[in-house]
C-alpha atoms as a PDB file:
ATOM      1  CA  MET A   1     117.780 -66.809 -38.427  1.00  0.00           C
ATOM      2  CA  TYR A   2     118.115 -63.850 -36.489  1.00  0.00           C
ATOM      3  CA  ASN A   3     117.409 -63.952 -32.808  1.00  0.00           C
ATOM      4  CA  GLN A   4     116.047 -60.699 -31.527  1.00  0.00           C
ATOM      5  CA  ASN A   5     117.165 -61.205 -27.922  1.00  0.00           C
ATOM      6  CA  TYR A   6     120.900 -61.685 -29.273  1.00  0.00           C
ATOM      7  CA  SER A   7     123.143 -58.843 -28.563  1.00  0.00           C
ATOM      8  CA  VAL A   8     126.741 -58.379 -30.595  1.00  0.00           C
ATOM      9  CA  MET A   9     129.231 -56.350 -28.724  1.00  0.00           C
ATOM     10  CA  PHE A  10     133.046 -55.758 -29.725  1.00  0.00           C
ATOM     11  CA  THR A  11     135.475 -53.299 -30.393  1.00  0.00           C
ATOM     12  CA  ILE A  12     137.200 -52.035 -33.606  1.00  0.00           C
ATOM     13  CA  GLU A  13     140.650 -50.705 -32.932  1.00  0.00           C
ATOM     14  CA  SER A  14     142.189 -48.245 -35.177  1.00  0.00           C
ATOM     15  CA  GLY A  15     144.942 -50.264 -36.346  1.00  0.00           C
ATOM     16  CA  VAL A  16     142.199 -52.383 -38.257  1.00  0.00           C
ATOM     17  CA  VAL A  17     141.266 -49.296 -40.422  1.00  0.00           C
ATOM     18  CA  LEU A  18     144.165 -47.012 -40.136  1.00  0.00           C
ATOM     19  CA  ILE A  19     146.997 -49.443 -41.201  1.00  0.00           C
ATOM     20  CA  PRO A  20     145.033 -50.156 -44.548  1.00  0.00           C
ATOM     21  CA  LEU A  21     144.484 -46.453 -44.977  1.00  0.00           C
ATOM     22  CA  ALA A  22     148.230 -45.898 -44.359  1.00  0.00           C
ATOM     23  CA  ILE A  23     149.332 -48.297 -46.918  1.00  0.00           C
ATOM     24  CA  LEU A  24     146.900 -46.924 -49.501  1.00  0.00           C
ATOM     25  CA  GLY A  25     148.385 -43.107 -48.612  1.00  0.00           C
ATOM     26  CA  LEU A  26     151.944 -44.486 -49.230  1.00  0.00           C
ATOM     27  CA  ILE A  27     150.993 -46.080 -52.575  1.00  0.00           C
ATOM     28  CA  THR A  28     149.189 -42.858 -53.754  1.00  0.00           C
ATOM     29  CA  LEU A  29     152.353 -40.825 -52.483  1.00  0.00           C
ATOM     30  CA  LEU A  30     154.674 -43.001 -54.394  1.00  0.00           C
ATOM     31  CA  VAL A  31     152.476 -42.927 -57.626  1.00  0.00           C
ATOM     32  CA  TRP A  32     152.448 -39.108 -57.285  1.00  0.00           C
ATOM     33  CA  SER A  33     156.050 -38.878 -56.843  1.00  0.00           C
ATOM     34  CA  PHE A  34     156.921 -40.866 -59.860  1.00  0.00           C
ATOM     35  CA  ARG A  35     154.194 -39.027 -62.065  1.00  0.00           C
ATOM     36  CA  LYS A  36     155.829 -35.511 -61.042  1.00  0.00           C
ATOM     37  CA  LYS A  37     158.883 -34.657 -63.089  1.00  0.00           C
ATOM     38  CA  HIS A  38     160.506 -32.709 -60.180  1.00  0.00           C
ATOM     39  CA  VAL A  39     159.642 -33.667 -56.476  1.00  0.00           C
ATOM     40  CA  LYS A  40     161.685 -32.431 -53.779  1.00  0.00           C
ATOM     41  CA  VAL A  41     162.381 -34.465 -50.816  1.00  0.00           C
ATOM     42  CA  THR A  42     160.916 -31.924 -48.640  1.00  0.00           C
ATOM     43  CA  GLN A  43     157.794 -31.719 -50.469  1.00  0.00           C
ATOM     44  CA  THR A  44     157.506 -35.794 -50.167  1.00  0.00           C
ATOM     45  CA  ILE A  45     158.328 -35.086 -46.102  1.00  0.00           C
ATOM     46  CA  LEU A  46     155.631 -32.518 -46.215  1.00  0.00           C
ATOM     47  CA  LEU A  47     153.073 -34.791 -47.647  1.00  0.00           C
ATOM     48  CA  LEU A  48     154.073 -37.779 -45.613  1.00  0.00           C
ATOM     49  CA  SER A  49     153.769 -35.865 -42.431  1.00  0.00           C
ATOM     50  CA  PHE A  50     150.313 -34.366 -43.466  1.00  0.00           C
ATOM     51  CA  GLY A  51     149.217 -38.157 -44.078  1.00  0.00           C
ATOM     52  CA  ILE A  52     150.543 -39.155 -40.500  1.00  0.00           C
ATOM     53  CA  TYR A  53     148.748 -36.081 -39.091  1.00  0.00           C
ATOM     54  CA  LEU A  54     145.427 -37.053 -40.820  1.00  0.00           C
ATOM     55  CA  LEU A  55     145.787 -40.652 -39.548  1.00  0.00           C
ATOM     56  CA  GLY A  56     146.199 -39.403 -36.050  1.00  0.00           C
ATOM     57  CA  ALA A  57     143.180 -36.956 -36.516  1.00  0.00           C
ATOM     58  CA  LEU A  58     141.012 -40.108 -37.545  1.00  0.00           C
ATOM     59  CA  HIS A  59     142.380 -42.201 -34.610  1.00  0.00           C
ATOM     60  CA  PHE A  60     141.526 -39.545 -31.897  1.00  0.00           C
ATOM     61  CA  VAL A  61     138.133 -38.895 -33.524  1.00  0.00           C
ATOM     62  CA  PHE A  62     136.660 -42.355 -34.120  1.00  0.00           C
ATOM     63  CA  PHE A  63     138.894 -45.015 -32.356  1.00  0.00           C
ATOM     64  CA  PRO A  64     138.284 -47.273 -30.609  1.00  0.00           C
ATOM     65  CA  ILE A  65     134.708 -47.895 -31.877  1.00  0.00           C
ATOM     66  CA  ASP A  66     132.496 -50.033 -29.534  1.00  0.00           C
ATOM     67  CA  VAL A  67     130.159 -51.883 -31.766  1.00  0.00           C
ATOM     68  CA  ASN A  68     126.685 -52.576 -30.000  1.00  0.00           C
ATOM     69  CA  LEU A  69     123.937 -54.236 -32.213  1.00  0.00           C
ATOM     70  CA  GLY A  70     121.086 -56.132 -31.168  1.00  0.00           C
ATOM     71  CA  LYS A  71     117.924 -55.785 -29.116  1.00  0.00           C
ATOM     72  CA  TYR A  72     119.173 -53.005 -26.708  1.00  0.00           C
ATOM     73  CA  ALA A  73     121.432 -51.212 -28.848  1.00  0.00           C
ATOM     74  CA  ASN A  74     120.679 -47.897 -30.597  1.00  0.00           C
ATOM     75  CA  GLN A  75     117.512 -47.219 -28.546  1.00  0.00           C
ATOM     76  CA  VAL A  76     117.673 -43.415 -28.835  1.00  0.00           C
ATOM     77  CA  PRO A  77     116.778 -41.737 -32.170  1.00  0.00           C
ATOM     78  CA  TRP A  78     119.596 -40.716 -34.299  1.00  0.00           C
ATOM     79  CA  TRP A  79     118.593 -37.036 -34.067  1.00  0.00           C
ATOM     80  CA  LYS A  80     118.561 -36.707 -30.352  1.00  0.00           C
ATOM     81  CA  THR A  81     122.324 -37.666 -30.625  1.00  0.00           C
ATOM     82  CA  ILE A  82     123.086 -34.542 -32.221  1.00  0.00           C
ATOM     83  CA  ASN A  83     123.783 -31.107 -30.588  1.00  0.00           C
ATOM     84  CA  PHE A  84     122.215 -28.429 -32.624  1.00  0.00           C
ATOM     85  CA  ILE A  85     122.578 -25.527 -30.196  1.00  0.00           C
ATOM     86  CA  PRO A  86     125.724 -23.600 -31.032  1.00  0.00           C
ATOM     87  CA  ILE A  87     127.665 -21.500 -28.364  1.00  0.00           C
ATOM     88  CA  LEU A  88     125.148 -21.757 -25.464  1.00  0.00           C
ATOM     89  CA  THR A  89     126.373 -25.693 -25.101  1.00  0.00           C
ATOM     90  CA  ILE A  90     129.963 -25.281 -25.324  1.00  0.00           C
ATOM     91  CA  ASP A  91     132.082 -27.682 -23.238  1.00  0.00           C
ATOM     92  CA  VAL A  92     135.086 -25.638 -22.953  1.00  0.00           C
ATOM     93  CA  TYR A  93     137.747 -28.409 -22.492  1.00  0.00           C
ATOM     94  CA  SER A  94     136.140 -30.020 -25.634  1.00  0.00           C
ATOM     95  CA  PHE A  95     135.960 -27.201 -27.773  1.00  0.00           C
ATOM     96  CA  VAL A  96     139.787 -26.134 -26.913  1.00  0.00           C
ATOM     97  CA  LEU A  97     140.789 -29.976 -27.981  1.00  0.00           C
ATOM     98  CA  ASN A  98     138.940 -29.557 -31.128  1.00  0.00           C
ATOM     99  CA  ILE A  99     140.630 -26.285 -31.783  1.00  0.00           C
ATOM    100  CA  VAL A 100     144.019 -27.814 -31.198  1.00  0.00           C
ATOM    101  CA  MET A 101     143.007 -31.022 -33.342  1.00  0.00           C
ATOM    102  CA  LEU A 102     142.495 -28.699 -36.449  1.00  0.00           C
ATOM    103  CA  LEU A 103     145.308 -26.393 -36.031  1.00  0.00           C
ATOM    104  CA  PRO A 104     147.744 -28.145 -37.645  1.00  0.00           C
ATOM    105  CA  PHE A 105     145.624 -28.992 -40.464  1.00  0.00           C
ATOM    106  CA  GLY A 106     145.449 -24.920 -40.988  1.00  0.00           C
ATOM    107  CA  CYS A 107     149.270 -24.917 -40.765  1.00  0.00           C
ATOM    108  CA  TYR A 108     149.419 -27.502 -43.587  1.00  0.00           C
ATOM    109  CA  LEU A 109     146.915 -25.739 -46.111  1.00  0.00           C
ATOM    110  CA  PRO A 110     149.314 -22.700 -47.097  1.00  0.00           C
ATOM    111  CA  PHE A 111     152.190 -25.373 -47.761  1.00  0.00           C
ATOM    112  CA  LEU A 112     149.913 -27.613 -50.023  1.00  0.00           C
ATOM    113  CA  LYS A 113     148.151 -24.439 -51.661  1.00  0.00           C
ATOM    114  CA  PRO A 114     150.336 -21.119 -51.105  1.00  0.00           C
ATOM    115  CA  SER A 115     147.711 -19.174 -52.681  1.00  0.00           C
ATOM    116  CA  ILE A 116     145.006 -20.190 -50.454  1.00  0.00           C
ATOM    117  CA  THR A 117     143.071 -17.507 -48.563  1.00  0.00           C
ATOM    118  CA  LYS A 118     141.529 -17.104 -45.031  1.00  0.00           C
ATOM    119  CA  LYS A 119     138.148 -17.699 -46.461  1.00  0.00           C
ATOM    120  CA  GLU A 120     138.870 -20.935 -48.152  1.00  0.00           C
ATOM    121  CA  VAL A 121     140.662 -22.113 -44.903  1.00  0.00           C
ATOM    122  CA  LEU A 122     137.789 -21.696 -43.079  1.00  0.00           C
ATOM    123  CA  LYS A 123     135.761 -23.398 -45.659  1.00  0.00           C
ATOM    124  CA  LEU A 124     138.116 -26.406 -45.671  1.00  0.00           C
ATOM    125  CA  GLY A 125     138.130 -26.548 -41.945  1.00  0.00           C
ATOM    126  CA  PHE A 126     134.370 -26.640 -41.903  1.00  0.00           C
ATOM    127  CA  GLN A 127     134.134 -29.102 -44.522  1.00  0.00           C
ATOM    128  CA  PHE A 128     136.648 -31.426 -42.940  1.00  0.00           C
ATOM    129  CA  SER A 129     134.937 -31.101 -39.741  1.00  0.00           C
ATOM    130  CA  LEU A 130     131.552 -31.683 -41.275  1.00  0.00           C
ATOM    131  CA  ILE A 131     132.620 -34.759 -42.701  1.00  0.00           C
ATOM    132  CA  LEU A 132     134.200 -35.953 -39.461  1.00  0.00           C
ATOM    133  CA  GLU A 133     130.918 -35.293 -37.536  1.00  0.00           C
ATOM    134  CA  LEU A 134     128.603 -36.967 -40.285  1.00  0.00           C
ATOM    135  CA  ILE A 135     130.856 -40.146 -40.126  1.00  0.00           C
ATOM    136  CA  GLN A 136     130.420 -39.844 -36.290  1.00  0.00           C
ATOM    137  CA  LEU A 137     126.885 -39.758 -36.525  1.00  0.00           C
ATOM    138  CA  LEU A 138     126.697 -42.622 -39.244  1.00  0.00           C
ATOM    139  CA  VAL A 139     128.941 -44.840 -36.861  1.00  0.00           C
ATOM    140  CA  ARG A 140     126.808 -44.087 -33.989  1.00  0.00           C
ATOM    141  CA  THR A 141     123.605 -44.971 -35.885  1.00  0.00           C
ATOM    142  CA  THR A 142     124.678 -47.988 -37.545  1.00  0.00           C
ATOM    143  CA  LEU A 143     127.136 -49.522 -34.840  1.00  0.00           C
ATOM    144  CA  GLY A 144     126.065 -48.016 -31.770  1.00  0.00           C
ATOM    145  CA  SER A 145     129.253 -46.162 -30.881  1.00  0.00           C
ATOM    146  CA  GLY A 146     128.990 -43.433 -28.253  1.00  0.00           C
ATOM    147  CA  ARG A 147     130.467 -40.660 -30.197  1.00  0.00           C
ATOM    148  CA  SER A 148     128.601 -37.525 -30.194  1.00  0.00           C
ATOM    149  CA  THR A 149     127.702 -35.115 -33.009  1.00  0.00           C
ATOM    150  CA  ASP A 150     128.237 -31.425 -31.884  1.00  0.00           C
ATOM    151  CA  VAL A 151     127.750 -28.312 -33.783  1.00  0.00           C
ATOM    152  CA  ASN A 152     130.106 -26.528 -31.440  1.00  0.00           C
ATOM    153  CA  ASP A 153     132.811 -29.000 -32.848  1.00  0.00           C
ATOM    154  CA  LEU A 154     132.320 -27.639 -36.297  1.00  0.00           C
ATOM    155  CA  LEU A 155     133.042 -24.349 -35.127  1.00  0.00           C
ATOM    156  CA  ALA A 156     135.965 -25.179 -33.113  1.00  0.00           C
ATOM    157  CA  ASN A 157     137.418 -27.011 -35.897  1.00  0.00           C
ATOM    158  CA  ALA A 158     136.836 -24.153 -38.232  1.00  0.00           C
ATOM    159  CA  PHE A 159     138.501 -21.830 -35.828  1.00  0.00           C
ATOM    160  CA  GLY A 160     141.248 -24.022 -35.380  1.00  0.00           C
ATOM    161  CA  ALA A 161     142.152 -24.436 -38.874  1.00  0.00           C
ATOM    162  CA  LEU A 162     142.043 -20.763 -39.129  1.00  0.00           C
ATOM    163  CA  LEU A 163     144.468 -20.011 -36.271  1.00  0.00           C
ATOM    164  CA  GLY A 164     146.860 -22.568 -37.839  1.00  0.00           C
ATOM    165  CA  PHE A 165     146.855 -20.678 -41.197  1.00  0.00           C
ATOM    166  CA  LEU A 166     147.293 -17.259 -39.250  1.00  0.00           C
ATOM    167  CA  LEU A 167     150.136 -18.864 -37.477  1.00  0.00           C
ATOM    168  CA  VAL A 168     152.119 -20.004 -40.484  1.00  0.00           C
ATOM    169  CA  ARG A 169     151.304 -16.591 -42.126  1.00  0.00           C
ATOM    170  CA  PHE A 170     152.765 -14.855 -39.013  1.00  0.00           C
ATOM    171  CA  VAL A 171     155.966 -16.953 -38.907  1.00  0.00           C
ATOM    172  CA  VAL A 172     156.866 -16.826 -42.398  1.00  0.00           C
ATOM    173  CA  GLN A 173     157.105 -13.122 -42.348  1.00  0.00           C
ATOM    174  CA  TYR A 174     160.387 -13.647 -41.212  1.00  0.00           C
ATOM    175  CA  ALA A 175     163.399 -14.354 -43.512  1.00  0.00           C
ATOM    176  CA  PRO A 176     164.566 -17.819 -42.281  1.00  0.00           C
ATOM    177  CA  PHE A 177     161.167 -19.061 -41.925  1.00  0.00           C
ATOM    178  CA  ARG A 178     159.949 -17.672 -45.336  1.00  0.00           C
ATOM    179  CA  ARG A 179     163.147 -19.782 -46.835  1.00  0.00           C
ATOM    180  CA  LEU A 180     162.128 -22.892 -45.046  1.00  0.00           C
ATOM    181  CA  TYR A 181     158.038 -22.580 -46.114  1.00  0.00           C
ATOM    182  CA  GLN A 182     159.197 -22.046 -49.831  1.00  0.00           C
ATOM    183  CA  ASN A 183     161.471 -25.105 -49.580  1.00  0.00           C
ATOM    184  CA  PHE A 184     158.623 -27.022 -48.273  1.00  0.00           C
ATOM    185  CA  GLN A 185     155.724 -25.706 -50.164  1.00  0.00           C
ATOM    186  CA  LEU A 186     154.026 -27.557 -53.205  1.00  0.00           C
END
């Protein structure tokens, strides 16, 4: 029987979740490599480094997760943990960090899909950010984690992805970088 005065508090460290994800990612990469007829080492390096980047982003966004279940946990309604007001409520430090966090995401996209457009990059950056924010909200409401959900994070992350994309497009205009880009792209 559940005692209403009972509280459960513990911390979930990133390794518990990210190590199995990394193993699953490596298995997926191996299967993909064997199914393709001509996979360059550079393409495998690209996908491996992208996977490492994604694991790093997940580490910084979610972990550690401080679980707080019980009578005094989750006292604030979930809708009050979301900042719905864009621009006016920007924390500049957090905004800049969110731009920097998705800048590599935007850099990877033209390598993964050479024909990608600015509009698609913005859309993917926004969608990836939205998934992260919704998972943060889910974790907060179910496990009591202190992570916040903020509309400004969506804007900063989408902008960061676009900046990364534009940076790669600018750099590949120069011949030595263009050859390197072509060697790594899928």
